[in-house]
N, C-alpha and C. Protein backbone atom coordinates (compact mmCIF):
# COMPACT_ATOMS: atom_id res chain seq x y z
N MET A 1 0.63 -10.14 8.54
CA MET A 1 0.05 -9.58 7.35
C MET A 1 0.32 -10.48 6.14
N SER A 2 0.66 -11.69 6.34
CA SER A 2 1.01 -12.61 5.27
C SER A 2 -0.12 -12.73 4.25
N GLY A 3 0.24 -12.57 2.98
CA GLY A 3 -0.70 -12.72 1.90
C GLY A 3 -1.51 -11.48 1.59
N LYS A 4 -1.43 -10.45 2.40
CA LYS A 4 -2.19 -9.22 2.18
C LYS A 4 -1.36 -8.25 1.35
N HIS A 5 -2.04 -7.54 0.44
CA HIS A 5 -1.36 -6.58 -0.42
C HIS A 5 -1.13 -5.26 0.31
N LEU A 6 0.08 -4.76 0.20
CA LEU A 6 0.42 -3.43 0.67
C LEU A 6 0.74 -2.62 -0.58
N ILE A 7 0.06 -1.50 -0.79
CA ILE A 7 0.28 -0.66 -1.97
C ILE A 7 0.95 0.62 -1.52
N ASP A 8 2.08 0.93 -2.16
CA ASP A 8 2.85 2.11 -1.78
C ASP A 8 3.62 2.63 -3.00
N SER A 9 4.26 3.76 -2.82
CA SER A 9 5.15 4.28 -3.86
C SER A 9 6.39 3.41 -3.94
N PRO A 10 6.97 3.27 -5.13
CA PRO A 10 8.17 2.43 -5.26
C PRO A 10 9.42 3.17 -4.80
N THR A 11 10.45 2.39 -4.54
CA THR A 11 11.78 2.92 -4.30
C THR A 11 12.69 2.34 -5.37
N LYS A 12 13.88 2.87 -5.45
CA LYS A 12 14.86 2.37 -6.42
C LYS A 12 15.04 0.85 -6.29
N ALA A 13 14.93 0.35 -5.07
CA ALA A 13 15.12 -1.08 -4.82
C ALA A 13 14.05 -1.94 -5.51
N ASP A 14 12.92 -1.34 -5.91
CA ASP A 14 11.85 -2.09 -6.57
C ASP A 14 12.05 -2.22 -8.08
N GLY A 15 12.96 -1.47 -8.65
CA GLY A 15 13.11 -1.42 -10.10
C GLY A 15 13.31 -2.77 -10.76
N ALA A 16 14.19 -3.59 -10.23
CA ALA A 16 14.46 -4.90 -10.83
C ALA A 16 13.22 -5.79 -10.79
N ALA A 17 12.49 -5.75 -9.69
CA ALA A 17 11.28 -6.57 -9.57
C ALA A 17 10.21 -6.12 -10.57
N LEU A 18 10.07 -4.80 -10.76
CA LEU A 18 9.10 -4.31 -11.73
C LEU A 18 9.46 -4.77 -13.14
N TRP A 19 10.75 -4.74 -13.46
CA TRP A 19 11.19 -5.22 -14.77
C TRP A 19 10.83 -6.69 -14.94
N ARG A 20 11.07 -7.52 -13.90
CA ARG A 20 10.75 -8.95 -13.98
C ARG A 20 9.25 -9.19 -14.17
N ILE A 21 8.43 -8.45 -13.44
CA ILE A 21 6.97 -8.60 -13.56
C ILE A 21 6.54 -8.24 -14.98
N ALA A 22 7.08 -7.14 -15.52
CA ALA A 22 6.75 -6.74 -16.90
C ALA A 22 7.21 -7.80 -17.89
N ARG A 23 8.43 -8.30 -17.71
CA ARG A 23 8.96 -9.34 -18.61
C ARG A 23 8.08 -10.58 -18.58
N ASP A 24 7.71 -11.01 -17.37
CA ASP A 24 6.95 -12.24 -17.22
C ASP A 24 5.51 -12.12 -17.69
N SER A 25 5.02 -10.88 -17.85
CA SER A 25 3.65 -10.69 -18.33
C SER A 25 3.50 -11.20 -19.76
N GLN A 26 4.56 -11.17 -20.53
CA GLN A 26 4.60 -11.58 -21.93
C GLN A 26 3.57 -10.83 -22.78
N LYS A 27 3.09 -9.69 -22.27
CA LYS A 27 2.13 -8.90 -23.03
C LYS A 27 2.63 -7.46 -23.21
N LEU A 28 3.33 -6.95 -22.20
CA LEU A 28 3.79 -5.56 -22.24
C LEU A 28 5.01 -5.41 -23.13
N ASP A 29 5.18 -4.20 -23.68
CA ASP A 29 6.44 -3.86 -24.32
C ASP A 29 7.46 -3.74 -23.20
N LEU A 30 8.48 -4.56 -23.23
CA LEU A 30 9.46 -4.59 -22.16
C LEU A 30 10.51 -3.51 -22.37
N ASN A 31 10.67 -2.65 -21.39
CA ASN A 31 11.71 -1.63 -21.39
C ASN A 31 12.97 -2.22 -20.76
N THR A 32 14.06 -1.48 -20.81
CA THR A 32 15.30 -1.97 -20.21
C THR A 32 15.18 -1.95 -18.69
N PRO A 33 15.96 -2.79 -17.99
CA PRO A 33 15.96 -2.72 -16.53
C PRO A 33 16.30 -1.31 -16.03
N TYR A 34 17.19 -0.64 -16.74
CA TYR A 34 17.57 0.73 -16.40
C TYR A 34 16.34 1.65 -16.37
N ALA A 35 15.44 1.49 -17.35
CA ALA A 35 14.24 2.34 -17.40
C ALA A 35 13.38 2.14 -16.16
N TYR A 36 13.24 0.89 -15.70
CA TYR A 36 12.41 0.64 -14.52
C TYR A 36 13.05 1.24 -13.26
N LEU A 37 14.37 1.20 -13.20
CA LEU A 37 15.06 1.85 -12.08
C LEU A 37 14.80 3.35 -12.09
N LEU A 38 14.88 3.97 -13.27
CA LEU A 38 14.60 5.40 -13.37
C LEU A 38 13.14 5.71 -13.03
N TRP A 39 12.21 4.89 -13.49
CA TRP A 39 10.80 5.11 -13.16
C TRP A 39 10.61 5.14 -11.65
N CYS A 40 11.22 4.16 -10.99
CA CYS A 40 11.06 4.07 -9.53
C CYS A 40 11.69 5.26 -8.81
N ARG A 41 12.73 5.82 -9.37
CA ARG A 41 13.38 6.97 -8.75
C ARG A 41 12.69 8.27 -9.14
N ASP A 42 12.50 8.49 -10.43
CA ASP A 42 12.05 9.79 -10.92
C ASP A 42 10.54 9.96 -11.00
N PHE A 43 9.80 8.88 -11.04
CA PHE A 43 8.35 8.95 -11.15
C PHE A 43 7.65 8.22 -10.01
N ALA A 44 8.29 8.16 -8.86
CA ALA A 44 7.70 7.48 -7.70
C ALA A 44 6.38 8.13 -7.28
N GLY A 45 6.23 9.42 -7.53
CA GLY A 45 5.00 10.11 -7.17
C GLY A 45 3.82 9.77 -8.05
N THR A 46 4.07 9.17 -9.21
CA THR A 46 2.99 8.79 -10.12
C THR A 46 3.03 7.30 -10.43
N THR A 47 3.62 6.54 -9.52
CA THR A 47 3.76 5.10 -9.67
C THR A 47 3.41 4.44 -8.34
N VAL A 48 2.78 3.27 -8.40
CA VAL A 48 2.53 2.50 -7.19
C VAL A 48 2.95 1.06 -7.43
N VAL A 49 3.34 0.42 -6.33
CA VAL A 49 3.74 -0.98 -6.36
C VAL A 49 2.99 -1.71 -5.26
N ALA A 50 2.53 -2.92 -5.57
CA ALA A 50 1.87 -3.78 -4.58
C ALA A 50 2.88 -4.82 -4.13
N LYS A 51 2.91 -5.05 -2.82
CA LYS A 51 3.82 -6.05 -2.26
C LYS A 51 3.04 -7.00 -1.37
N VAL A 52 3.49 -8.24 -1.37
CA VAL A 52 3.01 -9.25 -0.45
C VAL A 52 4.24 -9.79 0.26
N ASP A 53 4.22 -9.69 1.57
CA ASP A 53 5.37 -10.15 2.38
C ASP A 53 6.68 -9.52 1.89
N GLY A 54 6.61 -8.24 1.51
CA GLY A 54 7.80 -7.52 1.10
C GLY A 54 8.23 -7.75 -0.34
N ARG A 55 7.52 -8.59 -1.08
CA ARG A 55 7.88 -8.90 -2.47
C ARG A 55 6.91 -8.21 -3.41
N ALA A 56 7.45 -7.49 -4.41
CA ALA A 56 6.61 -6.81 -5.40
C ALA A 56 5.84 -7.83 -6.22
N VAL A 57 4.52 -7.59 -6.35
CA VAL A 57 3.66 -8.50 -7.11
C VAL A 57 2.82 -7.78 -8.16
N GLY A 58 2.94 -6.45 -8.22
CA GLY A 58 2.20 -5.71 -9.23
C GLY A 58 2.57 -4.24 -9.17
N PHE A 59 2.28 -3.54 -10.27
CA PHE A 59 2.61 -2.12 -10.30
C PHE A 59 1.79 -1.39 -11.35
N VAL A 60 1.72 -0.08 -11.17
CA VAL A 60 1.22 0.84 -12.19
C VAL A 60 2.25 1.94 -12.31
N ILE A 61 2.74 2.14 -13.52
CA ILE A 61 3.67 3.24 -13.82
C ILE A 61 2.90 4.27 -14.62
N ALA A 62 2.96 5.53 -14.17
CA ALA A 62 2.27 6.61 -14.87
C ALA A 62 3.13 7.87 -14.81
N TYR A 63 2.72 8.87 -15.56
CA TYR A 63 3.36 10.18 -15.48
C TYR A 63 2.34 11.24 -15.83
N ARG A 64 2.55 12.42 -15.28
CA ARG A 64 1.69 13.56 -15.63
C ARG A 64 2.21 14.14 -16.93
N ARG A 65 1.29 14.39 -17.84
CA ARG A 65 1.67 14.91 -19.15
C ARG A 65 2.07 16.37 -19.02
N PRO A 66 3.29 16.73 -19.42
CA PRO A 66 3.73 18.13 -19.31
C PRO A 66 2.81 19.11 -20.05
N ALA A 67 2.29 18.71 -21.20
CA ALA A 67 1.42 19.61 -21.97
C ALA A 67 -0.01 19.62 -21.46
N ALA A 68 -0.35 18.68 -20.57
CA ALA A 68 -1.70 18.59 -20.01
C ALA A 68 -1.59 18.10 -18.57
N PRO A 69 -1.17 18.96 -17.64
CA PRO A 69 -0.90 18.51 -16.27
C PRO A 69 -2.12 17.99 -15.51
N ASP A 70 -3.34 18.18 -16.07
CA ASP A 70 -4.51 17.61 -15.42
C ASP A 70 -4.76 16.17 -15.87
N ALA A 71 -3.83 15.62 -16.67
CA ALA A 71 -3.93 14.25 -17.15
C ALA A 71 -2.69 13.46 -16.74
N ALA A 72 -2.91 12.22 -16.34
CA ALA A 72 -1.80 11.30 -16.06
C ALA A 72 -1.93 10.13 -17.02
N LEU A 73 -0.85 9.85 -17.72
CA LEU A 73 -0.84 8.73 -18.66
C LEU A 73 -0.32 7.49 -17.96
N VAL A 74 -1.12 6.45 -17.96
CA VAL A 74 -0.70 5.16 -17.40
C VAL A 74 0.14 4.47 -18.46
N TRP A 75 1.41 4.29 -18.14
CA TRP A 75 2.36 3.69 -19.08
C TRP A 75 2.24 2.17 -19.06
N GLN A 76 2.27 1.59 -17.88
CA GLN A 76 2.16 0.14 -17.77
C GLN A 76 1.41 -0.24 -16.50
N VAL A 77 0.64 -1.32 -16.61
CA VAL A 77 0.00 -1.98 -15.48
C VAL A 77 0.40 -3.45 -15.60
N ALA A 78 0.93 -4.00 -14.52
CA ALA A 78 1.31 -5.41 -14.57
C ALA A 78 1.09 -6.04 -13.20
N VAL A 79 0.62 -7.28 -13.22
CA VAL A 79 0.39 -8.04 -12.00
C VAL A 79 1.00 -9.42 -12.19
N ASP A 80 1.72 -9.88 -11.18
CA ASP A 80 2.32 -11.21 -11.17
C ASP A 80 1.24 -12.26 -11.45
N ALA A 81 1.57 -13.27 -12.24
CA ALA A 81 0.59 -14.29 -12.65
C ALA A 81 -0.13 -14.90 -11.44
N ALA A 82 0.58 -15.12 -10.35
CA ALA A 82 -0.03 -15.74 -9.17
C ALA A 82 -1.03 -14.83 -8.47
N GLN A 83 -1.00 -13.54 -8.79
CA GLN A 83 -1.90 -12.57 -8.13
C GLN A 83 -3.05 -12.12 -9.02
N ARG A 84 -3.10 -12.60 -10.25
CA ARG A 84 -4.15 -12.16 -11.17
C ARG A 84 -5.52 -12.70 -10.74
N GLY A 85 -6.55 -11.98 -11.12
CA GLY A 85 -7.90 -12.40 -10.79
C GLY A 85 -8.35 -12.01 -9.40
N LYS A 86 -7.56 -11.21 -8.69
CA LYS A 86 -7.88 -10.80 -7.33
C LYS A 86 -8.24 -9.32 -7.23
N GLY A 87 -8.35 -8.66 -8.39
CA GLY A 87 -8.70 -7.24 -8.38
C GLY A 87 -7.53 -6.32 -8.07
N LEU A 88 -6.32 -6.84 -8.17
CA LEU A 88 -5.15 -6.05 -7.79
C LEU A 88 -4.89 -4.90 -8.76
N ALA A 89 -5.05 -5.12 -10.05
CA ALA A 89 -4.81 -4.04 -11.01
C ALA A 89 -5.76 -2.87 -10.73
N GLY A 90 -7.02 -3.17 -10.46
CA GLY A 90 -7.98 -2.13 -10.13
C GLY A 90 -7.64 -1.42 -8.84
N ALA A 91 -7.21 -2.18 -7.83
CA ALA A 91 -6.83 -1.57 -6.55
C ALA A 91 -5.62 -0.65 -6.72
N LEU A 92 -4.67 -1.05 -7.55
CA LEU A 92 -3.50 -0.21 -7.81
C LEU A 92 -3.92 1.09 -8.50
N LEU A 93 -4.76 0.98 -9.53
CA LEU A 93 -5.23 2.18 -10.23
C LEU A 93 -6.00 3.10 -9.29
N ASP A 94 -6.88 2.51 -8.48
CA ASP A 94 -7.67 3.32 -7.55
C ASP A 94 -6.78 4.06 -6.55
N GLU A 95 -5.80 3.37 -6.00
CA GLU A 95 -4.89 4.01 -5.04
C GLU A 95 -4.10 5.14 -5.69
N LEU A 96 -3.55 4.86 -6.86
CA LEU A 96 -2.75 5.88 -7.54
C LEU A 96 -3.60 7.11 -7.88
N PHE A 97 -4.77 6.89 -8.47
CA PHE A 97 -5.56 8.04 -8.90
C PHE A 97 -6.25 8.75 -7.72
N SER A 98 -6.45 8.07 -6.62
CA SER A 98 -6.92 8.78 -5.42
C SER A 98 -5.88 9.81 -5.00
N ARG A 99 -4.62 9.43 -5.09
CA ARG A 99 -3.53 10.37 -4.77
C ARG A 99 -3.45 11.49 -5.81
N LEU A 100 -3.50 11.12 -7.08
CA LEU A 100 -3.30 12.10 -8.14
C LEU A 100 -4.44 13.11 -8.24
N VAL A 101 -5.66 12.66 -8.00
CA VAL A 101 -6.81 13.57 -8.04
C VAL A 101 -6.65 14.66 -6.97
N ARG A 102 -6.12 14.29 -5.81
CA ARG A 102 -5.87 15.29 -4.76
C ARG A 102 -4.86 16.34 -5.23
N ASP A 103 -4.02 15.96 -6.19
CA ASP A 103 -2.99 16.87 -6.72
C ASP A 103 -3.40 17.55 -8.02
N GLY A 104 -4.68 17.46 -8.40
CA GLY A 104 -5.17 18.18 -9.56
C GLY A 104 -5.35 17.39 -10.83
N VAL A 105 -5.07 16.09 -10.83
CA VAL A 105 -5.30 15.27 -12.03
C VAL A 105 -6.80 15.03 -12.17
N ARG A 106 -7.30 15.20 -13.38
CA ARG A 106 -8.72 14.99 -13.65
C ARG A 106 -8.97 13.92 -14.71
N TYR A 107 -7.90 13.47 -15.39
CA TYR A 107 -8.07 12.48 -16.45
C TYR A 107 -7.00 11.40 -16.36
N LEU A 108 -7.43 10.16 -16.56
CA LEU A 108 -6.53 9.04 -16.76
C LEU A 108 -6.45 8.84 -18.26
N GLU A 109 -5.25 8.77 -18.79
CA GLU A 109 -5.05 8.41 -20.19
C GLU A 109 -4.17 7.17 -20.23
N THR A 110 -4.39 6.35 -21.22
CA THR A 110 -3.56 5.17 -21.42
C THR A 110 -3.70 4.73 -22.87
N THR A 111 -2.76 3.96 -23.34
CA THR A 111 -2.88 3.37 -24.67
C THR A 111 -2.96 1.86 -24.51
N VAL A 112 -3.79 1.26 -25.37
CA VAL A 112 -4.01 -0.18 -25.33
C VAL A 112 -4.13 -0.67 -26.77
N THR A 113 -3.52 -1.80 -27.06
CA THR A 113 -3.70 -2.40 -28.38
C THR A 113 -5.12 -2.96 -28.47
N PRO A 114 -5.71 -2.93 -29.66
CA PRO A 114 -7.11 -3.36 -29.81
C PRO A 114 -7.37 -4.81 -29.38
N ASP A 115 -6.33 -5.65 -29.38
CA ASP A 115 -6.53 -7.06 -29.03
C ASP A 115 -6.35 -7.34 -27.53
N ASN A 116 -6.07 -6.33 -26.72
CA ASN A 116 -5.79 -6.54 -25.30
C ASN A 116 -7.08 -6.38 -24.49
N ASP A 117 -7.94 -7.39 -24.58
CA ASP A 117 -9.24 -7.34 -23.92
C ASP A 117 -9.13 -7.20 -22.40
N ALA A 118 -8.14 -7.83 -21.79
CA ALA A 118 -7.99 -7.75 -20.33
C ALA A 118 -7.74 -6.31 -19.89
N SER A 119 -6.86 -5.60 -20.60
CA SER A 119 -6.58 -4.21 -20.25
C SER A 119 -7.80 -3.32 -20.49
N ILE A 120 -8.47 -3.55 -21.59
CA ILE A 120 -9.66 -2.75 -21.90
C ILE A 120 -10.70 -2.94 -20.79
N ARG A 121 -10.90 -4.18 -20.33
CA ARG A 121 -11.85 -4.44 -19.23
C ARG A 121 -11.39 -3.76 -17.94
N THR A 122 -10.08 -3.78 -17.67
CA THR A 122 -9.56 -3.15 -16.46
C THR A 122 -9.88 -1.66 -16.45
N PHE A 123 -9.64 -0.98 -17.58
CA PHE A 123 -9.88 0.46 -17.63
C PHE A 123 -11.37 0.78 -17.69
N ALA A 124 -12.16 -0.05 -18.34
CA ALA A 124 -13.62 0.16 -18.34
C ALA A 124 -14.17 0.02 -16.93
N SER A 125 -13.66 -0.94 -16.19
CA SER A 125 -14.09 -1.13 -14.81
C SER A 125 -13.68 0.07 -13.94
N PHE A 126 -12.49 0.59 -14.18
CA PHE A 126 -12.04 1.79 -13.46
C PHE A 126 -13.00 2.94 -13.73
N ALA A 127 -13.34 3.17 -15.00
CA ALA A 127 -14.24 4.26 -15.36
C ALA A 127 -15.59 4.10 -14.66
N LYS A 128 -16.08 2.88 -14.60
CA LYS A 128 -17.37 2.63 -13.94
C LYS A 128 -17.27 2.92 -12.44
N ARG A 129 -16.21 2.43 -11.79
CA ARG A 129 -16.04 2.66 -10.34
C ARG A 129 -15.94 4.14 -10.03
N TRP A 130 -15.34 4.91 -10.93
CA TRP A 130 -15.12 6.34 -10.72
C TRP A 130 -16.24 7.19 -11.32
N ASN A 131 -17.27 6.53 -11.86
CA ASN A 131 -18.41 7.23 -12.46
C ASN A 131 -17.94 8.27 -13.47
N ALA A 132 -17.06 7.84 -14.36
CA ALA A 132 -16.45 8.73 -15.35
C ALA A 132 -16.66 8.17 -16.75
N SER A 133 -16.65 9.03 -17.73
CA SER A 133 -16.79 8.57 -19.11
C SER A 133 -15.44 8.08 -19.62
N MET A 134 -15.50 7.22 -20.64
CA MET A 134 -14.28 6.69 -21.26
C MET A 134 -14.42 6.86 -22.77
N GLU A 135 -13.45 7.57 -23.34
CA GLU A 135 -13.40 7.79 -24.78
C GLU A 135 -12.21 7.05 -25.37
N ARG A 136 -12.34 6.63 -26.61
CA ARG A 136 -11.25 5.91 -27.29
C ARG A 136 -11.05 6.50 -28.67
N VAL A 137 -9.78 6.77 -29.01
CA VAL A 137 -9.40 7.21 -30.35
C VAL A 137 -8.10 6.51 -30.72
N ARG A 138 -7.86 6.35 -32.00
CA ARG A 138 -6.59 5.77 -32.45
C ARG A 138 -5.49 6.80 -32.23
N LEU A 139 -4.42 6.43 -31.54
CA LEU A 139 -3.30 7.34 -31.31
C LEU A 139 -2.13 7.02 -32.24
N PHE A 140 -1.76 5.74 -32.31
CA PHE A 140 -0.64 5.32 -33.16
C PHE A 140 -1.09 4.16 -34.04
N ASP A 141 -0.83 4.29 -35.34
CA ASP A 141 -1.06 3.19 -36.26
C ASP A 141 0.16 2.28 -36.27
N SER A 142 0.00 1.08 -36.77
CA SER A 142 1.13 0.15 -36.88
C SER A 142 2.28 0.78 -37.66
N SER A 143 1.95 1.57 -38.66
CA SER A 143 2.97 2.19 -39.51
C SER A 143 3.77 3.27 -38.78
N ASP A 144 3.30 3.73 -37.63
CA ASP A 144 4.04 4.73 -36.85
C ASP A 144 5.26 4.13 -36.16
N PHE A 145 5.29 2.83 -35.98
CA PHE A 145 6.39 2.16 -35.30
C PHE A 145 7.50 1.83 -36.30
N PRO A 146 8.75 1.67 -35.84
CA PRO A 146 9.86 1.40 -36.76
C PRO A 146 9.61 0.17 -37.62
N ALA A 147 9.89 0.30 -38.90
CA ALA A 147 9.65 -0.80 -39.84
C ALA A 147 10.62 -1.94 -39.63
N ASP A 148 11.80 -1.68 -39.05
CA ASP A 148 12.78 -2.75 -38.87
C ASP A 148 12.53 -3.54 -37.59
N ASP A 149 11.55 -3.13 -36.81
CA ASP A 149 11.17 -3.85 -35.60
C ASP A 149 10.08 -4.86 -35.97
N GLU A 150 9.74 -5.76 -35.03
CA GLU A 150 8.61 -6.65 -35.26
C GLU A 150 7.38 -5.79 -35.49
N PRO A 151 6.44 -6.26 -36.27
CA PRO A 151 5.21 -5.49 -36.45
C PRO A 151 4.57 -5.20 -35.09
N HIS A 152 4.10 -4.00 -34.91
CA HIS A 152 3.47 -3.59 -33.65
C HIS A 152 2.01 -3.29 -33.93
N GLU A 153 1.16 -3.77 -33.07
CA GLU A 153 -0.27 -3.47 -33.19
C GLU A 153 -0.48 -1.97 -33.02
N PRO A 154 -1.56 -1.44 -33.57
CA PRO A 154 -1.86 -0.03 -33.31
C PRO A 154 -2.14 0.17 -31.82
N GLU A 155 -2.05 1.40 -31.37
CA GLU A 155 -2.33 1.75 -29.98
C GLU A 155 -3.48 2.74 -29.96
N ASP A 156 -4.53 2.38 -29.24
CA ASP A 156 -5.68 3.27 -29.05
C ASP A 156 -5.50 4.03 -27.75
N LEU A 157 -5.81 5.32 -27.78
CA LEU A 157 -5.76 6.16 -26.58
C LEU A 157 -7.12 6.11 -25.90
N TYR A 158 -7.10 5.75 -24.64
CA TYR A 158 -8.30 5.79 -23.80
C TYR A 158 -8.15 6.97 -22.86
N ARG A 159 -9.20 7.77 -22.76
CA ARG A 159 -9.21 8.94 -21.86
C ARG A 159 -10.43 8.79 -20.96
N ILE A 160 -10.18 8.74 -19.66
CA ILE A 160 -11.23 8.52 -18.67
C ILE A 160 -11.31 9.76 -17.78
N GLY A 161 -12.52 10.28 -17.64
CA GLY A 161 -12.67 11.43 -16.77
C GLY A 161 -13.93 12.21 -17.10
N PRO A 162 -14.12 13.33 -16.46
CA PRO A 162 -13.28 13.87 -15.40
C PRO A 162 -13.38 13.04 -14.12
N LEU A 163 -12.29 12.99 -13.40
CA LEU A 163 -12.20 12.21 -12.17
C LEU A 163 -12.36 13.11 -10.96
N SER A 164 -13.07 12.63 -9.97
CA SER A 164 -13.15 13.33 -8.68
C SER A 164 -13.51 12.30 -7.62
N ARG A 165 -13.15 12.59 -6.39
CA ARG A 165 -13.46 11.69 -5.27
C ARG A 165 -14.14 12.47 -4.20
């Protein structure tokens, strides 16, 4: 199976690799290694990891919103630089939401900075594949982030759905 992607739920052992992939993306807000370990343990049901030859090469971290359990918010999508351009981000999203839709999720939500064209294309492509509408509204302005931190771009909320398979 050399070179073929295997997509599955993460285990605690994947946490460090997910942190490295996020760090190396140089685009995502990097969380602590501890956070990725917790994601892999506590949110394994709403997270998927892609592996090639047993090595993590991409992931999607999401969670179901407590106030809106029919929605899952995609926190981060990241793919190793060597695996980009192969449709892996889309395959990860499709696998995760195929599982989540069976469990009652009807909407994908995510936030994206206005300058992140690659992410916007990824989610627009997902909406098209799933024959779902995509709405965008401003969720967080730059001024919502701590002033003592580096300036942060605003975050737009994308809501895709309703989803069904």
